[in-house]
């Protein structure tokens, strides 16, 4: 395992993301939608840095991975609890890999009446993508195309609790 970003580096970058997002949505109704399980820790840290007055936090659970590989199919396991109609949504995920999750979830939520759907990820892998999501709107770190763990990202549900981002060999 190789540590790519330390806890301190991650905290600094999340704070800066929170400032950028707060400025962008300062007068808009915002709902942060954490994509579980991978974005749980990152979403909590990010939400604490966002200073918008009309801001809610919700989550939904989706998955496309089996082991270390994407299945190419997205499974919705849990819907958002809060209404999305008439709100700006910020999808928060741990890693942007193939683009499948952000692309399909964005389409789904836009179809339910969201005013806008944007994305923020902790790590975006530098790689070509087949899906319509090319890049996240906000990204903490651009990383090589390696398998990442820590800060909520896992390997078969292990390593989520690590306070740093590491690449598995």
Protein backbone atom coordinates (compact mmCIF):
# COMPACT_ATOMS: atom_id res chain seq x y z
CA UNK A 1 0.00 0.00 0.00
CA UNK A 2 1.32 3.43 -0.97
CA UNK A 3 0.05 6.55 0.81
CA UNK A 4 -0.79 9.19 -1.81
CA UNK A 5 -2.27 11.96 0.37
CA UNK A 6 -1.92 12.50 4.11
CA UNK A 7 -4.70 13.38 6.55
CA UNK A 8 -3.43 16.99 6.70
CA UNK A 9 -3.31 17.36 2.91
CA UNK A 10 -6.85 16.00 2.66
CA UNK A 11 -8.19 18.31 5.37
CA UNK A 12 -6.67 21.37 3.68
CA UNK A 13 -8.10 20.44 0.30
CA UNK A 14 -11.57 19.71 1.70
CA UNK A 15 -11.60 23.11 3.40
CA UNK A 16 -10.78 24.83 0.09
CA UNK A 17 -13.47 22.83 -1.72
CA UNK A 18 -15.99 23.90 0.93
CA UNK A 19 -15.10 27.54 0.34
CA UNK A 20 -15.48 27.20 -3.45
CA UNK A 21 -18.79 25.36 -3.17
CA UNK A 22 -20.13 27.84 -0.60
CA UNK A 23 -19.33 30.76 -2.91
CA UNK A 24 -20.97 29.02 -5.87
CA UNK A 25 -24.21 28.19 -4.02
CA UNK A 26 -24.31 31.14 -1.61
CA UNK A 27 -27.86 32.21 -2.52
CA UNK A 28 -29.26 28.90 -3.76
CA UNK A 29 -31.11 26.05 -2.05
CA UNK A 30 -28.53 23.25 -1.87
CA UNK A 31 -28.93 19.58 -1.01
CA UNK A 32 -25.74 17.59 -0.62
CA UNK A 33 -26.37 13.98 -1.65
CA UNK A 34 -23.72 11.61 -0.34
CA UNK A 35 -23.35 8.42 -2.37
CA UNK A 36 -23.01 5.61 0.14
CA UNK A 37 -20.92 3.91 1.28
CA UNK A 38 -17.81 5.34 -0.34
CA UNK A 39 -18.59 9.02 0.20
CA UNK A 40 -19.76 8.79 3.81
CA UNK A 41 -16.61 10.12 5.47
CA UNK A 42 -15.73 12.64 2.75
CA UNK A 43 -19.32 13.99 2.66
CA UNK A 44 -19.38 14.56 6.42
CA UNK A 45 -16.04 16.40 6.32
CA UNK A 46 -17.08 18.46 3.29
CA UNK A 47 -20.54 19.36 4.67
CA UNK A 48 -18.93 20.86 7.79
CA UNK A 49 -17.01 23.32 5.59
CA UNK A 50 -19.98 24.51 3.49
CA UNK A 51 -21.51 27.70 4.83
CA UNK A 52 -24.66 28.07 2.70
CA UNK A 53 -27.74 29.02 4.72
CA UNK A 54 -30.24 26.85 2.83
CA UNK A 55 -28.28 23.61 2.86
CA UNK A 56 -29.45 20.06 3.56
CA UNK A 57 -27.59 16.77 3.71
CA UNK A 58 -29.06 13.54 2.39
CA UNK A 59 -27.75 10.28 1.04
CA UNK A 60 -28.52 7.54 -1.38
CA UNK A 61 -26.92 4.15 -1.81
CA UNK A 62 -25.82 2.85 -5.18
CA UNK A 63 -23.20 0.37 -6.28
CA UNK A 64 -21.62 -0.94 -9.42
CA UNK A 65 -18.58 -2.74 -8.07
CA UNK A 66 -18.09 -6.43 -7.51
CA UNK A 67 -14.76 -6.92 -5.82
CA UNK A 68 -12.27 -4.52 -7.44
CA UNK A 69 -14.03 -4.16 -10.80
CA UNK A 70 -17.04 -2.23 -12.01
CA UNK A 71 -19.85 -4.50 -13.17
CA UNK A 72 -20.97 -1.89 -15.69
CA UNK A 73 -24.45 -1.88 -14.09
CA UNK A 74 -25.68 0.52 -11.44
CA UNK A 75 -27.88 -0.78 -8.64
CA UNK A 76 -29.96 1.67 -6.58
CA UNK A 77 -30.15 0.38 -3.00
CA UNK A 78 -31.55 3.43 -1.17
CA UNK A 79 -33.31 6.57 -2.45
CA UNK A 80 -32.80 10.09 -1.03
CA UNK A 81 -35.17 10.84 1.82
CA UNK A 82 -35.55 14.56 1.09
CA UNK A 83 -37.39 15.91 -1.96
CA UNK A 84 -35.10 16.86 -4.86
CA UNK A 85 -37.62 18.85 -6.90
CA UNK A 86 -36.75 22.53 -7.07
CA UNK A 87 -33.34 22.12 -5.39
CA UNK A 88 -29.77 22.29 -6.56
CA UNK A 89 -28.08 18.97 -5.83
CA UNK A 90 -24.43 18.32 -5.14
CA UNK A 91 -23.60 14.64 -5.59
CA UNK A 92 -20.63 13.71 -3.43
CA UNK A 93 -18.65 10.55 -4.13
CA UNK A 94 -15.33 9.18 -3.02
CA UNK A 95 -13.86 8.42 -6.42
CA UNK A 96 -14.70 9.14 -10.04
CA UNK A 97 -13.51 6.05 -11.89
CA UNK A 98 -15.51 4.87 -14.92
CA UNK A 99 -18.09 7.67 -14.66
CA UNK A 100 -21.02 5.25 -14.54
CA UNK A 101 -22.24 6.18 -11.06
CA UNK A 102 -22.17 9.97 -11.42
CA UNK A 103 -23.60 9.82 -14.93
CA UNK A 104 -26.54 7.56 -14.10
CA UNK A 105 -27.34 9.13 -10.71
CA UNK A 106 -27.21 12.63 -12.25
CA UNK A 107 -29.63 11.61 -15.00
CA UNK A 108 -31.94 9.95 -12.49
CA UNK A 109 -32.09 12.95 -10.14
CA UNK A 110 -32.44 15.49 -12.95
CA UNK A 111 -35.42 13.46 -14.14
CA UNK A 112 -36.99 13.86 -10.70
CA UNK A 113 -37.05 17.67 -11.00
CA UNK A 114 -33.76 18.90 -9.54
CA UNK A 115 -32.87 22.44 -10.60
CA UNK A 116 -29.30 21.30 -11.22
CA UNK A 117 -27.09 18.33 -10.44
CA UNK A 118 -23.37 18.89 -9.97
CA UNK A 119 -20.68 16.65 -8.51
CA UNK A 120 -17.80 16.74 -6.07
CA UNK A 121 -15.37 13.87 -5.60
CA UNK A 122 -12.46 13.25 -3.30
CA UNK A 123 -10.41 11.61 -6.03
CA UNK A 124 -10.78 11.59 -9.80
CA UNK A 125 -8.79 8.96 -11.64
CA UNK A 126 -6.91 10.17 -14.69
CA UNK A 127 -8.30 7.86 -17.36
CA UNK A 128 -10.62 7.85 -20.41
CA UNK A 129 -14.32 7.44 -19.65
CA UNK A 130 -17.08 5.94 -21.77
CA UNK A 131 -19.93 7.57 -19.86
CA UNK A 132 -21.19 11.15 -20.23
CA UNK A 133 -19.56 12.24 -16.97
CA UNK A 134 -16.15 13.40 -18.12
CA UNK A 135 -15.01 15.25 -14.98
CA UNK A 136 -16.44 16.17 -11.60
CA UNK A 137 -17.43 19.80 -11.09
CA UNK A 138 -15.23 19.87 -7.98
CA UNK A 139 -12.39 17.47 -7.27
CA UNK A 140 -10.00 17.32 -4.33
CA UNK A 141 -7.29 15.25 -6.04
CA UNK A 142 -6.59 13.93 -9.53
CA UNK A 143 -4.90 10.58 -9.15
CA UNK A 144 -3.35 7.88 -11.32
CA UNK A 145 -5.60 5.00 -12.36
CA UNK A 146 -4.90 2.82 -9.31
CA UNK A 147 -7.15 1.13 -6.76
CA UNK A 148 -7.75 3.63 -3.92
CA UNK A 149 -8.64 3.10 -0.27
CA UNK A 150 -9.10 5.33 2.77
CA UNK A 151 -11.37 8.24 3.65
CA UNK A 152 -14.40 6.05 2.94
CA UNK A 153 -13.04 4.26 -0.13
CA UNK A 154 -12.66 0.53 0.36
CA UNK A 155 -11.40 -2.79 -0.84
CA UNK A 156 -14.18 -5.32 -0.21
CA UNK A 157 -15.44 -3.11 2.68
CA UNK A 158 -11.99 -2.89 4.29
CA UNK A 159 -9.80 0.21 4.81
CA UNK A 160 -12.65 2.80 4.80
CA UNK A 161 -11.54 4.11 8.19
CA UNK A 162 -8.01 5.10 7.08
CA UNK A 163 -7.46 8.87 7.51
CA UNK A 164 -5.38 9.07 4.33
CA UNK A 165 -5.74 8.06 0.68
CA UNK A 166 -3.63 5.10 -0.36
CA UNK A 167 -3.23 3.01 -3.49
CA UNK A 168 -3.29 -0.75 -3.17
CA UNK A 169 -0.63 -2.70 -5.03
